[in-house]
Amino acid sequence: MDTDRVNAADPLDVDVEFLTADLRSELLRRWNDPQRRYHNETHLRAVLRAIDALEADGESFDGTAVRLAVWCHTAEFDPTESENNEKSAVWVERKLDPAAPVEEVARLVRLMGGHRVEAGDLNGSVLSDADLVVLGSDPETYDAYTHDVRHEYAHVAGERFIAGRIAALEGLLERRSVYLTRAGRDAWERQAHANLNRELGLLRAGLGED
């Protein structure tokens, strides 16, 4: 699967049902908040491209609900807070047209708080995989991602950040697979494991672990 070539158009310009011009503009303003170094427009664009790639590779899901969830999943974002997904889901419930699949979009946004997707949840699986696409990227892109994440969480002290990051990476590697869809596993799983294990080794070395 070639994520970059599935759709040559800028995915930010692609029409999504119920994403009005005003709503799109407001969300882009939020995505471009200066405090966002990773959860910004670049991330939004990458996740939308990954959605397109998974769809092109045969995954079945509700394209409208999932794409709306991508646009809205960090509508509210403060790196010093822990309830961003809940606040974003409430924002969805307040802002989306009642004719839209509001309940499903809000559910998906809440789901992204921990990527805990139940078996058989096609929408959740596709959204989770697309949101984690960076883990299976080339090493240079992955390293830029880790740098940007660290910058977003600069308020967290060094050893505390490293310990939390190690726990997060170990949790991903302990899963049966990082990606939940067949297409995601085929495209990104091997590279994701290489990236995660490489970062984990560097972090452990930094803490002086054996």
C-alpha atoms as a PDB file:
ATOM      1  CA  MET A   1       0.000   0.000   0.000  1.00  0.00           C
ATOM      2  CA  ASP A   2       1.427   3.383  -1.026  1.00  0.00           C
ATOM      3  CA  THR A   3      -0.123   5.789   1.462  1.00  0.00           C
ATOM      4  CA  ASP A   4       1.239   8.912  -0.220  1.00  0.00           C
ATOM      5  CA  ARG A   5      -0.122   8.103  -3.671  1.00  0.00           C
ATOM      6  CA  VAL A   6      -3.589   6.816  -2.898  1.00  0.00           C
ATOM      7  CA  ASN A   7      -4.996  10.310  -3.310  1.00  0.00           C
ATOM      8  CA  ALA A   8      -2.856  12.974  -4.952  1.00  0.00           C
ATOM      9  CA  ALA A   9      -5.225  15.746  -3.848  1.00  0.00           C
ATOM     10  CA  ASP A  10      -4.700  17.442  -0.514  1.00  0.00           C
ATOM     11  CA  PRO A  11      -7.067  15.503   1.796  1.00  0.00           C
ATOM     12  CA  LEU A  12      -7.802  18.712   3.675  1.00  0.00           C
ATOM     13  CA  ASP A  13      -9.593  19.940   0.557  1.00  0.00           C
ATOM     14  CA  VAL A  14     -11.709  16.823   0.025  1.00  0.00           C
ATOM     15  CA  ASP A  15     -15.406  17.224   0.790  1.00  0.00           C
ATOM     16  CA  VAL A  16     -16.708  15.325   3.812  1.00  0.00           C
ATOM     17  CA  GLU A  17     -20.442  15.223   4.399  1.00  0.00           C
ATOM     18  CA  PHE A  18     -21.505  17.490   7.287  1.00  0.00           C
ATOM     19  CA  LEU A  19     -18.077  19.172   7.398  1.00  0.00           C
ATOM     20  CA  THR A  20     -19.264  22.637   6.462  1.00  0.00           C
ATOM     21  CA  ALA A  21     -16.945  25.401   5.312  1.00  0.00           C
ATOM     22  CA  ASP A  22     -17.300  27.164   8.654  1.00  0.00           C
ATOM     23  CA  LEU A  23     -16.642  23.998  10.636  1.00  0.00           C
ATOM     24  CA  ARG A  24     -13.632  23.143   8.463  1.00  0.00           C
ATOM     25  CA  SER A  25     -12.193  26.634   8.997  1.00  0.00           C
ATOM     26  CA  GLU A  26     -12.689  26.472  12.749  1.00  0.00           C
ATOM     27  CA  LEU A  27     -11.078  23.051  12.979  1.00  0.00           C
ATOM     28  CA  LEU A  28      -8.096  24.079  10.851  1.00  0.00           C
ATOM     29  CA  ARG A  29      -7.580  27.064  13.123  1.00  0.00           C
ATOM     30  CA  ARG A  30      -7.528  24.676  16.078  1.00  0.00           C
ATOM     31  CA  TRP A  31      -5.196  22.206  14.335  1.00  0.00           C
ATOM     32  CA  ASN A  32      -2.785  25.075  13.608  1.00  0.00           C
ATOM     33  CA  ASP A  33      -2.582  26.290  17.200  1.00  0.00           C
ATOM     34  CA  PRO A  34       1.112  27.159  17.825  1.00  0.00           C
ATOM     35  CA  GLN A  35       1.349  24.856  20.874  1.00  0.00           C
ATOM     36  CA  ARG A  36       0.770  21.842  18.619  1.00  0.00           C
ATOM     37  CA  ARG A  37       4.006  20.385  17.325  1.00  0.00           C
ATOM     38  CA  TYR A  38       2.721  16.904  16.496  1.00  0.00           C
ATOM     39  CA  HIS A  39      -1.075  17.099  16.787  1.00  0.00           C
ATOM     40  CA  ASN A  40      -1.222  19.664  14.014  1.00  0.00           C
ATOM     41  CA  GLU A  41      -2.302  19.979  10.389  1.00  0.00           C
ATOM     42  CA  THR A  42       0.501  17.667   9.241  1.00  0.00           C
ATOM     43  CA  HIS A  43      -0.839  14.897  11.480  1.00  0.00           C
ATOM     44  CA  LEU A  44      -4.407  15.542  10.320  1.00  0.00           C
ATOM     45  CA  ARG A  45      -3.345  15.261   6.698  1.00  0.00           C
ATOM     46  CA  ALA A  46      -1.371  12.048   7.319  1.00  0.00           C
ATOM     47  CA  VAL A  47      -4.292  10.372   9.099  1.00  0.00           C
ATOM     48  CA  LEU A  48      -6.736  11.308   6.340  1.00  0.00           C
ATOM     49  CA  ARG A  49      -4.332   9.895   3.735  1.00  0.00           C
ATOM     50  CA  ALA A  50      -4.071   6.689   5.766  1.00  0.00           C
ATOM     51  CA  ILE A  51      -7.873   6.439   5.851  1.00  0.00           C
ATOM     52  CA  ASP A  52      -7.900   6.743   2.060  1.00  0.00           C
ATOM     53  CA  ALA A  53      -5.206   4.067   1.794  1.00  0.00           C
ATOM     54  CA  LEU A  54      -7.064   1.611   4.018  1.00  0.00           C
ATOM     55  CA  GLU A  55     -10.261   2.198   2.053  1.00  0.00           C
ATOM     56  CA  ALA A  56      -8.463   1.679  -1.264  1.00  0.00           C
ATOM     57  CA  ASP A  57      -7.019  -1.582   0.082  1.00  0.00           C
ATOM     58  CA  GLY A  58     -10.472  -2.984   0.764  1.00  0.00           C
ATOM     59  CA  GLU A  59     -11.266  -2.146   4.388  1.00  0.00           C
ATOM     60  CA  SER A  60     -14.986  -1.587   5.037  1.00  0.00           C
ATOM     61  CA  PHE A  61     -16.137   1.217   7.318  1.00  0.00           C
ATOM     62  CA  ASP A  62     -18.403   4.253   7.541  1.00  0.00           C
ATOM     63  CA  GLY A  63     -16.313   6.774   5.629  1.00  0.00           C
ATOM     64  CA  THR A  64     -18.307   9.803   6.738  1.00  0.00           C
ATOM     65  CA  ALA A  65     -18.234   9.003  10.456  1.00  0.00           C
ATOM     66  CA  VAL A  66     -14.576   8.010  10.452  1.00  0.00           C
ATOM     67  CA  ARG A  67     -13.409  11.044   8.477  1.00  0.00           C
ATOM     68  CA  LEU A  68     -15.421  13.378  10.686  1.00  0.00           C
ATOM     69  CA  ALA A  69     -13.811  11.702  13.701  1.00  0.00           C
ATOM     70  CA  VAL A  70     -10.364  12.282  12.188  1.00  0.00           C
ATOM     71  CA  TRP A  71     -11.082  15.979  11.753  1.00  0.00           C
ATOM     72  CA  CYS A  72     -12.487  16.284  15.284  1.00  0.00           C
ATOM     73  CA  HIS A  73     -10.411  13.883  17.384  1.00  0.00           C
ATOM     74  CA  THR A  74      -8.304  16.651  18.912  1.00  0.00           C
ATOM     75  CA  ALA A  75     -10.673  19.560  18.400  1.00  0.00           C
ATOM     76  CA  GLU A  76      -9.825  20.364  22.004  1.00  0.00           C
ATOM     77  CA  PHE A  77      -6.128  19.927  22.763  1.00  0.00           C
ATOM     78  CA  ASP A  78      -4.001  21.014  25.685  1.00  0.00           C
ATOM     79  CA  PRO A  79      -0.867  18.899  26.238  1.00  0.00           C
ATOM     80  CA  THR A  80      -1.007  19.676  29.960  1.00  0.00           C
ATOM     81  CA  GLU A  81      -4.479  18.137  30.265  1.00  0.00           C
ATOM     82  CA  SER A  82      -5.542  14.461  30.221  1.00  0.00           C
ATOM     83  CA  GLU A  83      -9.149  14.788  29.040  1.00  0.00           C
ATOM     84  CA  ASN A  84      -8.598  16.052  25.499  1.00  0.00           C
ATOM     85  CA  ASN A  85     -10.560  13.264  23.818  1.00  0.00           C
ATOM     86  CA  GLU A  86     -13.516  13.616  26.162  1.00  0.00           C
ATOM     87  CA  LYS A  87     -13.561  17.374  25.663  1.00  0.00           C
ATOM     88  CA  SER A  88     -13.281  16.892  21.907  1.00  0.00           C
ATOM     89  CA  ALA A  89     -16.198  14.445  21.945  1.00  0.00           C
ATOM     90  CA  VAL A  90     -18.318  16.975  23.837  1.00  0.00           C
ATOM     91  CA  TRP A  91     -17.287  19.571  21.242  1.00  0.00           C
ATOM     92  CA  VAL A  92     -18.515  17.190  18.519  1.00  0.00           C
ATOM     93  CA  GLU A  93     -21.846  16.737  20.269  1.00  0.00           C
ATOM     94  CA  ARG A  94     -22.239  20.489  20.477  1.00  0.00           C
ATOM     95  CA  LYS A  95     -20.977  21.509  17.040  1.00  0.00           C
ATOM     96  CA  LEU A  96     -21.966  18.849  14.508  1.00  0.00           C
ATOM     97  CA  ASP A  97     -25.240  19.065  12.604  1.00  0.00           C
ATOM     98  CA  PRO A  98     -27.792  16.827  14.385  1.00  0.00           C
ATOM     99  CA  ALA A  99     -28.367  15.119  11.016  1.00  0.00           C
ATOM    100  CA  ALA A 100     -24.757  13.907  11.075  1.00  0.00           C
ATOM    101  CA  PRO A 101     -23.763  10.616  12.761  1.00  0.00           C
ATOM    102  CA  VAL A 102     -22.981  12.598  15.908  1.00  0.00           C
ATOM    103  CA  GLU A 103     -23.181   9.708  18.369  1.00  0.00           C
ATOM    104  CA  GLU A 104     -20.792   7.550  16.335  1.00  0.00           C
ATOM    105  CA  VAL A 105     -18.330  10.365  15.711  1.00  0.00           C
ATOM    106  CA  ALA A 106     -18.258  11.221  19.417  1.00  0.00           C
ATOM    107  CA  ARG A 107     -17.775   7.541  20.300  1.00  0.00           C
ATOM    108  CA  LEU A 108     -14.836   7.285  17.922  1.00  0.00           C
ATOM    109  CA  VAL A 109     -13.250  10.448  19.268  1.00  0.00           C
ATOM    110  CA  ARG A 110     -13.498   9.082  22.819  1.00  0.00           C
ATOM    111  CA  LEU A 111     -12.006   5.804  21.610  1.00  0.00           C
ATOM    112  CA  MET A 112      -8.822   7.567  20.552  1.00  0.00           C
ATOM    113  CA  GLY A 113      -8.032   8.338  24.173  1.00  0.00           C
ATOM    114  CA  GLY A 114      -6.452   4.913  24.557  1.00  0.00           C
ATOM    115  CA  HIS A 115      -6.952   3.121  21.233  1.00  0.00           C
ATOM    116  CA  ARG A 116      -8.933   0.444  23.056  1.00  0.00           C
ATOM    117  CA  VAL A 117     -10.955  -1.019  20.206  1.00  0.00           C
ATOM    118  CA  GLU A 118     -13.298  -3.948  20.656  1.00  0.00           C
ATOM    119  CA  ALA A 119     -13.208  -6.885  18.249  1.00  0.00           C
ATOM    120  CA  GLY A 120     -15.543  -6.308  15.323  1.00  0.00           C
ATOM    121  CA  ASP A 121     -15.455  -2.509  15.590  1.00  0.00           C
ATOM    122  CA  LEU A 122     -14.660  -1.734  11.956  1.00  0.00           C
ATOM    123  CA  ASN A 123     -14.852   2.034  12.310  1.00  0.00           C
ATOM    124  CA  GLY A 124     -12.719   2.014  15.433  1.00  0.00           C
ATOM    125  CA  SER A 125     -10.132  -0.306  13.906  1.00  0.00           C
ATOM    126  CA  VAL A 126      -9.682   1.834  10.801  1.00  0.00           C
ATOM    127  CA  LEU A 127      -9.489   5.059  12.799  1.00  0.00           C
ATOM    128  CA  SER A 128      -7.014   3.584  15.285  1.00  0.00           C
ATOM    129  CA  ASP A 129      -4.760   2.255  12.529  1.00  0.00           C
ATOM    130  CA  ALA A 130      -4.811   5.529  10.621  1.00  0.00           C
ATOM    131  CA  ASP A 131      -4.049   7.538  13.756  1.00  0.00           C
ATOM    132  CA  LEU A 132      -1.024   5.288  14.417  1.00  0.00           C
ATOM    133  CA  VAL A 133       0.236   5.325  10.835  1.00  0.00           C
ATOM    134  CA  VAL A 134       3.310   7.338  11.854  1.00  0.00           C
ATOM    135  CA  LEU A 135       4.566   4.364  13.854  1.00  0.00           C
ATOM    136  CA  GLY A 136       5.054   2.462  10.600  1.00  0.00           C
ATOM    137  CA  SER A 137       6.702   5.325   8.741  1.00  0.00           C
ATOM    138  CA  ASP A 138      10.319   5.545   7.564  1.00  0.00           C
ATOM    139  CA  PRO A 139      12.877   6.108  10.370  1.00  0.00           C
ATOM    140  CA  GLU A 140      13.417   9.780   9.548  1.00  0.00           C
ATOM    141  CA  THR A 141       9.694  10.554   9.745  1.00  0.00           C
ATOM    142  CA  TYR A 142       9.387   8.503  12.925  1.00  0.00           C
ATOM    143  CA  ASP A 143      12.266  10.362  14.563  1.00  0.00           C
ATOM    144  CA  ALA A 144      10.673  13.707  13.651  1.00  0.00           C
ATOM    145  CA  TYR A 145       7.443  12.472  15.267  1.00  0.00           C
ATOM    146  CA  THR A 146       9.194  11.525  18.528  1.00  0.00           C
ATOM    147  CA  HIS A 147      10.932  14.911  18.593  1.00  0.00           C
ATOM    148  CA  ASP A 148       7.642  16.743  18.068  1.00  0.00           C
ATOM    149  CA  VAL A 149       5.869  14.709  20.747  1.00  0.00           C
ATOM    150  CA  ARG A 150       8.632  15.503  23.220  1.00  0.00           C
ATOM    151  CA  HIS A 151       8.303  19.191  22.359  1.00  0.00           C
ATOM    152  CA  GLU A 152       4.533  19.084  22.985  1.00  0.00           C
ATOM    153  CA  TYR A 153       5.146  17.544  26.386  1.00  0.00           C
ATOM    154  CA  ALA A 154       8.091  19.730  27.331  1.00  0.00           C
ATOM    155  CA  HIS A 155       6.315  20.487  30.611  1.00  0.00           C
ATOM    156  CA  VAL A 156       6.895  16.874  31.719  1.00  0.00           C
ATOM    157  CA  ALA A 157      10.230  16.333  33.461  1.00  0.00           C
ATOM    158  CA  GLY A 158      12.808  14.229  31.622  1.00  0.00           C
ATOM    159  CA  GLU A 159      12.837  10.963  33.599  1.00  0.00           C
ATOM    160  CA  ARG A 160       9.079  11.081  34.088  1.00  0.00           C
ATOM    161  CA  PHE A 161       8.539  11.549  30.359  1.00  0.00           C
ATOM    162  CA  ILE A 162      10.940   8.725  29.505  1.00  0.00           C
ATOM    163  CA  ALA A 163       9.289   6.334  31.966  1.00  0.00           C
ATOM    164  CA  GLY A 164       5.857   7.152  30.551  1.00  0.00           C
ATOM    165  CA  ARG A 165       7.057   6.814  27.001  1.00  0.00           C
ATOM    166  CA  ILE A 166       8.669   3.428  27.743  1.00  0.00           C
ATOM    167  CA  ALA A 167       5.410   2.197  29.246  1.00  0.00           C
ATOM    168  CA  ALA A 168       3.466   3.381  26.188  1.00  0.00           C
ATOM    169  CA  LEU A 169       5.858   1.702  23.747  1.00  0.00           C
ATOM    170  CA  GLU A 170       5.901  -1.533  25.713  1.00  0.00           C
ATOM    171  CA  GLY A 171       2.125  -1.515  25.724  1.00  0.00           C
ATOM    172  CA  LEU A 172       2.037  -1.223  21.938  1.00  0.00           C
ATOM    173  CA  LEU A 173       4.602  -3.991  21.478  1.00  0.00           C
ATOM    174  CA  GLU A 174       2.739  -6.306  23.852  1.00  0.00           C
ATOM    175  CA  ARG A 175      -0.387  -6.137  21.718  1.00  0.00           C
ATOM    176  CA  ARG A 176      -1.081  -9.016  19.383  1.00  0.00           C
ATOM    177  CA  SER A 177      -0.414  -6.487  16.644  1.00  0.00           C
ATOM    178  CA  VAL A 178      -0.036  -2.708  16.558  1.00  0.00           C
ATOM    179  CA  TYR A 179      -2.546  -2.473  13.721  1.00  0.00           C
ATOM    180  CA  LEU A 180      -6.023  -3.930  13.843  1.00  0.00           C
ATOM    181  CA  THR A 181      -6.936  -4.125  10.157  1.00  0.00           C
ATOM    182  CA  ARG A 182      -5.499  -6.579   7.664  1.00  0.00           C
ATOM    183  CA  ALA A 183      -4.441  -3.743   5.374  1.00  0.00           C
ATOM    184  CA  GLY A 184      -2.768  -1.862   8.213  1.00  0.00           C
ATOM    185  CA  ARG A 185      -0.820  -4.908   9.341  1.00  0.00           C
ATOM    186  CA  ASP A 186       0.314  -5.683   5.815  1.00  0.00           C
ATOM    187  CA  ALA A 187       1.459  -2.129   5.162  1.00  0.00           C
ATOM    188  CA  TRP A 188       2.901  -0.877   8.441  1.00  0.00           C
ATOM    189  CA  GLU A 189       3.328  -3.596  11.099  1.00  0.00           C
ATOM    190  CA  ARG A 190       6.915  -4.665  10.396  1.00  0.00           C
ATOM    191  CA  GLN A 191       8.270  -1.121  10.190  1.00  0.00           C
ATOM    192  CA  ALA A 192       6.325  -0.112  13.290  1.00  0.00           C
ATOM    193  CA  HIS A 193       7.984  -2.860  15.318  1.00  0.00           C
ATOM    194  CA  ALA A 194      11.413  -1.805  14.040  1.00  0.00           C
ATOM    195  CA  ASN A 195      10.763   1.835  14.971  1.00  0.00           C
ATOM    196  CA  LEU A 196       9.255   1.081  18.368  1.00  0.00           C
ATOM    197  CA  ASN A 197      12.015  -1.324  19.367  1.00  0.00           C
ATOM    198  CA  ARG A 198      14.706   1.115  18.245  1.00  0.00           C
ATOM    199  CA  GLU A 199      13.214   3.970  20.270  1.00  0.00           C
ATOM    200  CA  LEU A 200      12.662   1.699  23.249  1.00  0.00           C
ATOM    201  CA  GLY A 201      16.320   0.687  23.213  1.00  0.00           C
ATOM    202  CA  LEU A 202      17.430   4.315  23.150  1.00  0.00           C
ATOM    203  CA  LEU A 203      15.105   5.279  25.987  1.00  0.00           C
ATOM    204  CA  ARG A 204      16.181   2.362  28.161  1.00  0.00           C
ATOM    205  CA  ALA A 205      19.806   3.226  27.554  1.00  0.00           C
ATOM    206  CA  GLY A 206      19.073   6.772  28.619  1.00  0.00           C
ATOM    207  CA  LEU A 207      17.702   5.507  31.923  1.00  0.00           C
ATOM    208  CA  GLY A 208      20.679   3.209  32.395  1.00  0.00           C
ATOM    209  CA  GLU A 209      18.624   0.024  32.097  1.00  0.00           C
ATOM    210  CA  ASP A 210      20.347  -3.220  31.209  1.00  0.00           C
END
